[in-house]
Amino acid sequence: MLDAMKTVTTREFIHTPGLVKCLRPGQSLLVTDNGKPSFTVTKAGKRKHRTLEDLEREAREICPDDNRPMVDFTAFLKEHRK
């Protein structure tokens, strides 16, 4: 697993920030210090865009009761900031 990962020294990592930019989402870069693995950098992918329908479905899964009270969180926050 570590063989397929690109390995660079700490000096290369600091002086060449483009190394991380060139990675594809999910790819990793192993940074070594004096030949020993120091840390791994993994490029994150784009977050999944959730639609309003997805959010409503998740809310129904969490709280399936249709009689749940509606809460205006904006008003709640404004009231409690004072």
PDB file of N, CA and C in Angstrom:
ATOM      1  N   MET A   1       0.831  -1.186   0.000  1.00  0.00           N
ATOM      2  CA  MET A   1       0.000   0.000   0.000  1.00  0.00           C
ATOM      3  C   MET A   1       0.877   1.252   0.000  1.00  0.00           C
ATOM      4  N   LEU A   2       1.915   1.281   0.824  1.00  0.00           N
ATOM      5  CA  LEU A   2       2.765   2.453   0.873  1.00  0.00           C
ATOM      6  C   LEU A   2       3.651   2.567  -0.357  1.00  0.00           C
ATOM      7  N   ASP A   3       3.841   1.451  -1.104  1.00  0.00           N
ATOM      8  CA  ASP A   3       4.696   1.493  -2.282  1.00  0.00           C
ATOM      9  C   ASP A   3       4.092   2.359  -3.385  1.00  0.00           C
ATOM     10  N   ALA A   4       2.772   2.357  -3.511  1.00  0.00           N
ATOM     11  CA  ALA A   4       2.105   3.124  -4.567  1.00  0.00           C
ATOM     12  C   ALA A   4       2.012   4.609  -4.204  1.00  0.00           C
ATOM     13  N   MET A   5       2.268   4.946  -2.959  1.00  0.00           N
ATOM     14  CA  MET A   5       2.163   6.321  -2.494  1.00  0.00           C
ATOM     15  C   MET A   5       3.450   7.076  -2.836  1.00  0.00           C
ATOM     16  N   LYS A   6       3.314   8.299  -3.316  1.00  0.00           N
ATOM     17  CA  LYS A   6       4.492   9.119  -3.626  1.00  0.00           C
ATOM     18  C   LYS A   6       5.152   9.534  -2.319  1.00  0.00           C
ATOM     19  N   THR A   7       6.477   9.468  -2.278  1.00  0.00           N
ATOM     20  CA  THR A   7       7.241   9.804  -1.082  1.00  0.00           C
ATOM     21  C   THR A   7       8.130  11.008  -1.369  1.00  0.00           C
ATOM     22  N   VAL A   8       8.108  11.983  -0.470  1.00  0.00           N
ATOM     23  CA  VAL A   8       8.961  13.160  -0.586  1.00  0.00           C
ATOM     24  C   VAL A   8       9.579  13.462   0.775  1.00  0.00           C
ATOM     25  N   THR A   9      10.659  14.206   0.757  1.00  0.00           N
ATOM     26  CA  THR A   9      11.278  14.626   2.011  1.00  0.00           C
ATOM     27  C   THR A   9      10.538  15.842   2.561  1.00  0.00           C
ATOM     28  N   THR A  10      10.799  16.145   3.812  1.00  0.00           N
ATOM     29  CA  THR A  10      10.172  17.309   4.439  1.00  0.00           C
ATOM     30  C   THR A  10      10.563  18.584   3.702  1.00  0.00           C
ATOM     31  N   ARG A  11      11.812  18.658   3.293  1.00  0.00           N
ATOM     32  CA  ARG A  11      12.304  19.843   2.566  1.00  0.00           C
ATOM     33  C   ARG A  11      11.554  20.018   1.249  1.00  0.00           C
ATOM     34  N   GLU A  12      11.388  18.925   0.489  1.00  0.00           N
ATOM     35  CA  GLU A  12      10.645  18.998  -0.779  1.00  0.00           C
ATOM     36  C   GLU A  12       9.203  19.420  -0.538  1.00  0.00           C
ATOM     37  N   PHE A  13       8.606  18.889   0.531  1.00  0.00           N
ATOM     38  CA  PHE A  13       7.211  19.200   0.845  1.00  0.00           C
ATOM     39  C   PHE A  13       7.036  20.688   1.144  1.00  0.00           C
ATOM     40  N   ILE A  14       7.958  21.257   1.915  1.00  0.00           N
ATOM     41  CA  ILE A  14       7.853  22.671   2.293  1.00  0.00           C
ATOM     42  C   ILE A  14       8.121  23.587   1.102  1.00  0.00           C
ATOM     43  N   HIS A  15       9.111  23.240   0.291  1.00  0.00           N
ATOM     44  CA  HIS A  15       9.528  24.127  -0.800  1.00  0.00           C
ATOM     45  C   HIS A  15       8.739  23.935  -2.095  1.00  0.00           C
ATOM     46  N   THR A  16       7.932  22.882  -2.178  1.00  0.00           N
ATOM     47  CA  THR A  16       7.161  22.625  -3.393  1.00  0.00           C
ATOM     48  C   THR A  16       5.691  22.363  -3.036  1.00  0.00           C
ATOM     49  N   PRO A  17       4.913  23.417  -2.762  1.00  0.00           N
ATOM     50  CA  PRO A  17       3.504  23.212  -2.387  1.00  0.00           C
ATOM     51  C   PRO A  17       2.661  22.655  -3.529  1.00  0.00           C
ATOM     52  N   GLY A  18       3.162  22.761  -4.761  1.00  0.00           N
ATOM     53  CA  GLY A  18       2.414  22.236  -5.907  1.00  0.00           C
ATOM     54  C   GLY A  18       2.295  20.726  -5.911  1.00  0.00           C
ATOM     55  N   LEU A  19       3.109  20.042  -5.102  1.00  0.00           N
ATOM     56  CA  LEU A  19       3.011  18.578  -5.038  1.00  0.00           C
ATOM     57  C   LEU A  19       1.636  18.141  -4.574  1.00  0.00           C
ATOM     58  N   VAL A  20       1.083  18.836  -3.612  1.00  0.00           N
ATOM     59  CA  VAL A  20      -0.240  18.476  -3.093  1.00  0.00           C
ATOM     60  C   VAL A  20      -1.316  18.869  -4.087  1.00  0.00           C
ATOM     61  N   LYS A  21      -1.132  19.979  -4.772  1.00  0.00           N
ATOM     62  CA  LYS A  21      -2.116  20.419  -5.757  1.00  0.00           C
ATOM     63  C   LYS A  21      -2.244  19.438  -6.912  1.00  0.00           C
ATOM     64  N   CYS A  22      -1.148  18.756  -7.244  1.00  0.00           N
ATOM     65  CA  CYS A  22      -1.153  17.822  -8.365  1.00  0.00           C
ATOM     66  C   CYS A  22      -1.818  16.486  -8.039  1.00  0.00           C
ATOM     67  N   LEU A  23      -2.046  16.220  -6.763  1.00  0.00           N
ATOM     68  CA  LEU A  23      -2.674  14.952  -6.389  1.00  0.00           C
ATOM     69  C   LEU A  23      -4.139  14.934  -6.812  1.00  0.00           C
ATOM     70  N   ARG A  24      -4.629  13.762  -7.164  1.00  0.00           N
ATOM     71  CA  ARG A  24      -6.054  13.592  -7.432  1.00  0.00           C
ATOM     72  C   ARG A  24      -6.761  13.343  -6.101  1.00  0.00           C
ATOM     73  N   PRO A  25      -8.048  13.637  -6.006  1.00  0.00           N
ATOM     74  CA  PRO A  25      -8.768  13.385  -4.751  1.00  0.00           C
ATOM     75  C   PRO A  25      -8.607  11.932  -4.313  1.00  0.00           C
ATOM     76  N   GLY A  26      -8.229  11.764  -3.047  1.00  0.00           N
ATOM     77  CA  GLY A  26      -8.032  10.436  -2.485  1.00  0.00           C
ATOM     78  C   GLY A  26      -6.591   9.953  -2.534  1.00  0.00           C
ATOM     79  N   GLN A  27      -5.754  10.586  -3.360  1.00  0.00           N
ATOM     80  CA  GLN A  27      -4.355  10.188  -3.426  1.00  0.00           C
ATOM     81  C   GLN A  27      -3.602  10.742  -2.221  1.00  0.00           C
ATOM     82  N   SER A  28      -2.523  10.048  -1.848  1.00  0.00           N
ATOM     83  CA  SER A  28      -1.756  10.431  -0.674  1.00  0.00           C
ATOM     84  C   SER A  28      -0.311  10.706  -1.025  1.00  0.00           C
ATOM     85  N   LEU A  29       0.314  11.464  -0.157  1.00  0.00           N
ATOM     86  CA  LEU A  29       1.710  11.833  -0.284  1.00  0.00           C
ATOM     87  C   LEU A  29       2.360  11.543   1.068  1.00  0.00           C
ATOM     88  N   LEU A  30       3.395  10.704   1.087  1.00  0.00           N
ATOM     89  CA  LEU A  30       4.092  10.356   2.317  1.00  0.00           C
ATOM     90  C   LEU A  30       5.286  11.285   2.471  1.00  0.00           C
ATOM     91  N   VAL A  31       5.352  11.997   3.595  1.00  0.00           N
ATOM     92  CA  VAL A  31       6.435  12.926   3.865  1.00  0.00           C
ATOM     93  C   VAL A  31       7.375  12.268   4.866  1.00  0.00           C
ATOM     94  N   THR A  32       8.664  12.207   4.504  1.00  0.00           N
ATOM     95  CA  THR A  32       9.643  11.550   5.365  1.00  0.00           C
ATOM     96  C   THR A  32      10.575  12.573   6.002  1.00  0.00           C
ATOM     97  N   ASP A  33      11.094  12.203   7.145  1.00  0.00           N
ATOM     98  CA  ASP A  33      12.065  13.021   7.860  1.00  0.00           C
ATOM     99  C   ASP A  33      13.244  12.120   8.200  1.00  0.00           C
ATOM    100  N   ASN A  34      14.393  12.392   7.591  1.00  0.00           N
ATOM    101  CA  ASN A  34      15.586  11.559   7.747  1.00  0.00           C
ATOM    102  C   ASN A  34      15.320  10.106   7.340  1.00  0.00           C
ATOM    103  N   GLY A  35      14.541   9.917   6.288  1.00  0.00           N
ATOM    104  CA  GLY A  35      14.267   8.584   5.760  1.00  0.00           C
ATOM    105  C   GLY A  35      13.171   7.825   6.466  1.00  0.00           C
ATOM    106  N   LYS A  36      12.624   8.376   7.543  1.00  0.00           N
ATOM    107  CA  LYS A  36      11.551   7.714   8.286  1.00  0.00           C
ATOM    108  C   LYS A  36      10.238   8.436   8.014  1.00  0.00           C
ATOM    109  N   PRO A  37       9.130   7.690   7.839  1.00  0.00           N
ATOM    110  CA  PRO A  37       7.833   8.339   7.587  1.00  0.00           C
ATOM    111  C   PRO A  37       7.471   9.299   8.718  1.00  0.00           C
ATOM    112  N   SER A  38       7.140  10.526   8.356  1.00  0.00           N
ATOM    113  CA  SER A  38       6.783  11.537   9.345  1.00  0.00           C
ATOM    114  C   SER A  38       5.271  11.734   9.393  1.00  0.00           C
ATOM    115  N   PHE A  39       4.671  11.977   8.228  1.00  0.00           N
ATOM    116  CA  PHE A  39       3.213  12.113   8.155  1.00  0.00           C
ATOM    117  C   PHE A  39       2.750  11.892   6.726  1.00  0.00           C
ATOM    118  N   THR A  40       1.457  11.718   6.579  1.00  0.00           N
ATOM    119  CA  THR A  40       0.845  11.483   5.273  1.00  0.00           C
ATOM    120  C   THR A  40      -0.153  12.589   4.984  1.00  0.00           C
ATOM    121  N   VAL A  41      -0.125  13.089   3.760  1.00  0.00           N
ATOM    122  CA  VAL A  41      -1.078  14.107   3.315  1.00  0.00           C
ATOM    123  C   VAL A  41      -1.983  13.442   2.287  1.00  0.00           C
ATOM    124  N   THR A  42      -3.293  13.517   2.505  1.00  0.00           N
ATOM    125  CA  THR A  42      -4.260  12.957   1.568  1.00  0.00           C
ATOM    126  C   THR A  42      -5.139  14.081   1.054  1.00  0.00           C
ATOM    127  N   LYS A  43      -5.267  14.181  -0.260  1.00  0.00           N
ATOM    128  CA  LYS A  43      -6.089  15.234  -0.839  1.00  0.00           C
ATOM    129  C   LYS A  43      -7.553  14.830  -0.746  1.00  0.00           C
ATOM    130  N   ALA A  44      -8.345  15.722  -0.198  1.00  0.00           N
ATOM    131  CA  ALA A  44      -9.772  15.464  -0.042  1.00  0.00           C
ATOM    132  C   ALA A  44     -10.492  15.710  -1.362  1.00  0.00           C
ATOM    133  N   GLY A  45     -11.570  15.005  -1.554  1.00  0.00           N
ATOM    134  CA  GLY A  45     -12.395  15.210  -2.737  1.00  0.00           C
ATOM    135  C   GLY A  45     -13.477  16.239  -2.462  1.00  0.00           C
ATOM    136  N   LYS A  46     -14.271  16.496  -3.461  1.00  0.00           N
ATOM    137  CA  LYS A  46     -15.374  17.432  -3.281  1.00  0.00           C
ATOM    138  C   LYS A  46     -16.434  16.780  -2.407  1.00  0.00           C
ATOM    139  N   ARG A  47     -17.033  17.606  -1.564  1.00  0.00           N
ATOM    140  CA  ARG A  47     -18.103  17.082  -0.727  1.00  0.00           C
ATOM    141  C   ARG A  47     -19.341  16.852  -1.576  1.00  0.00           C
ATOM    142  N   LYS A  48     -20.097  15.841  -1.214  1.00  0.00           N
ATOM    143  CA  LYS A  48     -21.321  15.526  -1.925  1.00  0.00           C
ATOM    144  C   LYS A  48     -22.343  16.634  -1.689  1.00  0.00           C
ATOM    145  N   HIS A  49     -22.937  17.122  -2.781  1.00  0.00           N
ATOM    146  CA  HIS A  49     -23.959  18.162  -2.678  1.00  0.00           C
ATOM    147  C   HIS A  49     -25.284  17.496  -2.335  1.00  0.00           C
ATOM    148  N   ARG A  50     -25.853  17.902  -1.208  1.00  0.00           N
ATOM    149  CA  ARG A  50     -27.128  17.312  -0.799  1.00  0.00           C
ATOM    150  C   ARG A  50     -28.259  18.275  -1.140  1.00  0.00           C
ATOM    151  N   THR A  51     -29.306  17.732  -1.717  1.00  0.00           N
ATOM    152  CA  THR A  51     -30.459  18.536  -2.097  1.00  0.00           C
ATOM    153  C   THR A  51     -31.396  18.689  -0.903  1.00  0.00           C
ATOM    154  N   LEU A  52     -32.369  19.562  -1.056  1.00  0.00           N
ATOM    155  CA  LEU A  52     -33.361  19.763  -0.010  1.00  0.00           C
ATOM    156  C   LEU A  52     -34.108  18.464   0.273  1.00  0.00           C
ATOM    157  N   GLU A  53     -34.392  17.694  -0.777  1.00  0.00           N
ATOM    158  CA  GLU A  53     -35.088  16.419  -0.598  1.00  0.00           C
ATOM    159  C   GLU A  53     -34.251  15.447   0.235  1.00  0.00           C
ATOM    160  N   ASP A  54     -32.941  15.427  -0.011  1.00  0.00           N
ATOM    161  CA  ASP A  54     -32.048  14.562   0.778  1.00  0.00           C
ATOM    162  C   ASP A  54     -32.073  14.952   2.249  1.00  0.00           C
ATOM    163  N   LEU A  55     -32.007  16.260   2.515  1.00  0.00           N
ATOM    164  CA  LEU A  55     -32.021  16.739   3.893  1.00  0.00           C
ATOM    165  C   LEU A  55     -33.340  16.422   4.587  1.00  0.00           C
ATOM    166  N   GLU A  56     -34.445  16.591   3.867  1.00  0.00           N
ATOM    167  CA  GLU A  56     -35.755  16.276   4.451  1.00  0.00           C
ATOM    168  C   GLU A  56     -35.884  14.785   4.730  1.00  0.00           C
ATOM    169  N   ARG A  57     -35.375  13.944   3.821  1.00  0.00           N
ATOM    170  CA  ARG A  57     -35.426  12.494   4.026  1.00  0.00           C
ATOM    171  C   ARG A  57     -34.601  12.099   5.248  1.00  0.00           C
ATOM    172  N   GLU A  58     -33.427  12.675   5.401  1.00  0.00           N
ATOM    173  CA  GLU A  58     -32.600  12.393   6.562  1.00  0.00           C
ATOM    174  C   GLU A  58     -33.292  12.845   7.849  1.00  0.00           C
ATOM    175  N   ALA A  59     -33.943  14.001   7.799  1.00  0.00           N
ATOM    176  CA  ALA A  59     -34.656  14.490   8.979  1.00  0.00           C
ATOM    177  C   ALA A  59     -35.794  13.551   9.348  1.00  0.00           C
ATOM    178  N   ARG A  60     -36.506  13.029   8.344  1.00  0.00           N
ATOM    179  CA  ARG A  60     -37.590  12.070   8.628  1.00  0.00           C
ATOM    180  C   ARG A  60     -37.052  10.771   9.216  1.00  0.00           C
ATOM    181  N   GLU A  61     -35.865  10.349   8.773  1.00  0.00           N
ATOM    182  CA  GLU A  61     -35.263   9.133   9.317  1.00  0.00           C
ATOM    183  C   GLU A  61     -34.871   9.324  10.777  1.00  0.00           C
ATOM    184  N   ILE A  62     -34.380  10.514  11.105  1.00  0.00           N
ATOM    185  CA  ILE A  62     -33.970  10.793  12.479  1.00  0.00           C
ATOM    186  C   ILE A  62     -35.169  10.969  13.388  1.00  0.00           C
ATOM    187  N   CYS A  63     -36.154  11.710  12.922  1.00  0.00           N
ATOM    188  CA  CYS A  63     -37.350  11.990  13.727  1.00  0.00           C
ATOM    189  C   CYS A  63     -38.591  11.719  12.878  1.00  0.00           C
ATOM    190  N   PRO A  64     -39.052  10.478  12.857  1.00  0.00           N
ATOM    191  CA  PRO A  64     -40.167  10.124  11.975  1.00  0.00           C
ATOM    192  C   PRO A  64     -41.530  10.677  12.416  1.00  0.00           C
ATOM    193  N   ASP A  65     -41.643  11.197  13.637  1.00  0.00           N
ATOM    194  CA  ASP A  65     -42.915  11.704  14.146  1.00  0.00           C
ATOM    195  C   ASP A  65     -43.323  12.960  13.392  1.00  0.00           C
ATOM    196  N   ASP A  66     -44.529  12.962  12.797  1.00  0.00           N
ATOM    197  CA  ASP A  66     -45.010  14.114  12.035  1.00  0.00           C
ATOM    198  C   ASP A  66     -45.467  15.255  12.931  1.00  0.00           C
ATOM    199  N   ASN A  67     -45.668  14.995  14.209  1.00  0.00           N
ATOM    200  CA  ASN A  67     -46.162  16.021  15.132  1.00  0.00           C
ATOM    201  C   ASN A  67     -45.023  16.750  15.843  1.00  0.00           C
ATOM    202  N   ARG A  68     -43.843  16.702  15.290  1.00  0.00           N
ATOM    203  CA  ARG A  68     -42.721  17.381  15.937  1.00  0.00           C
ATOM    204  C   ARG A  68     -42.903  18.895  15.821  1.00  0.00           C
ATOM    205  N   PRO A  69     -42.516  19.621  16.849  1.00  0.00           N
ATOM    206  CA  PRO A  69     -42.701  21.075  16.807  1.00  0.00           C
ATOM    207  C   PRO A  69     -41.707  21.722  15.841  1.00  0.00           C
ATOM    208  N   MET A  70     -42.164  22.755  15.172  1.00  0.00           N
ATOM    209  CA  MET A  70     -41.299  23.520  14.281  1.00  0.00           C
ATOM    210  C   MET A  70     -40.572  24.575  15.117  1.00  0.00           C
ATOM    211  N   VAL A  71     -39.281  24.703  14.918  1.00  0.00           N
ATOM    212  CA  VAL A  71     -38.477  25.631  15.697  1.00  0.00           C
ATOM    213  C   VAL A  71     -37.801  26.604  14.741  1.00  0.00           C
ATOM    214  N   ASP A  72     -37.906  27.887  15.059  1.00  0.00           N
ATOM    215  CA  ASP A  72     -37.223  28.924  14.290  1.00  0.00           C
ATOM    216  C   ASP A  72     -35.877  29.167  14.957  1.00  0.00           C
ATOM    217  N   PHE A  73     -34.833  28.501  14.456  1.00  0.00           N
ATOM    218  CA  PHE A  73     -33.527  28.578  15.091  1.00  0.00           C
ATOM    219  C   PHE A  73     -32.894  29.955  14.934  1.00  0.00           C
ATOM    220  N   THR A  74     -33.224  30.677  13.892  1.00  0.00           N
ATOM    221  CA  THR A  74     -32.681  32.018  13.722  1.00  0.00           C
ATOM    222  C   THR A  74     -33.188  32.929  14.830  1.00  0.00           C
ATOM    223  N   ALA A  75     -34.471  32.870  15.109  1.00  0.00           N
ATOM    224  CA  ALA A  75     -35.040  33.675  16.188  1.00  0.00           C
ATOM    225  C   ALA A  75     -34.479  33.233  17.540  1.00  0.00           C
ATOM    226  N   PHE A  76     -34.310  31.938  17.718  1.00  0.00           N
ATOM    227  CA  PHE A  76     -33.754  31.407  18.957  1.00  0.00           C
ATOM    228  C   PHE A  76     -32.343  31.946  19.195  1.00  0.00           C
ATOM    229  N   LEU A  77     -31.508  31.918  18.147  1.00  0.00           N
ATOM    230  CA  LEU A  77     -30.138  32.407  18.283  1.00  0.00           C
ATOM    231  C   LEU A  77     -30.097  33.907  18.544  1.00  0.00           C
ATOM    232  N   LYS A  78     -30.934  34.670  17.847  1.00  0.00           N
ATOM    233  CA  LYS A  78     -30.969  36.111  18.052  1.00  0.00           C
ATOM    234  C   LYS A  78     -31.395  36.444  19.474  1.00  0.00           C
ATOM    235  N   GLU A  79     -32.342  35.692  19.983  1.00  0.00           N
ATOM    236  CA  GLU A  79     -32.846  35.930  21.329  1.00  0.00           C
ATOM    237  C   GLU A  79     -31.782  35.616  22.392  1.00  0.00           C
ATOM    238  N   HIS A  80     -31.016  34.570  22.178  1.00  0.00           N
ATOM    239  CA  HIS A  80     -30.045  34.145  23.185  1.00  0.00           C
ATOM    240  C   HIS A  80     -28.682  34.804  23.046  1.00  0.00           C
ATOM    241  N   ARG A  81     -28.448  35.585  22.002  1.00  0.00           N
ATOM    242  CA  ARG A  81     -27.196  36.317  21.867  1.00  0.00           C
ATOM    243  C   ARG A  81     -27.160  37.536  22.763  1.00  0.00           C
ATOM    244  N   LYS A  82     -28.322  38.026  23.110  1.00  0.00           N
ATOM    245  CA  LYS A  82     -28.388  39.257  23.909  1.00  0.00           C
ATOM    246  C   LYS A  82     -27.915  39.033  25.321  1.00  0.00           C
TER     247      LYS A  82
END
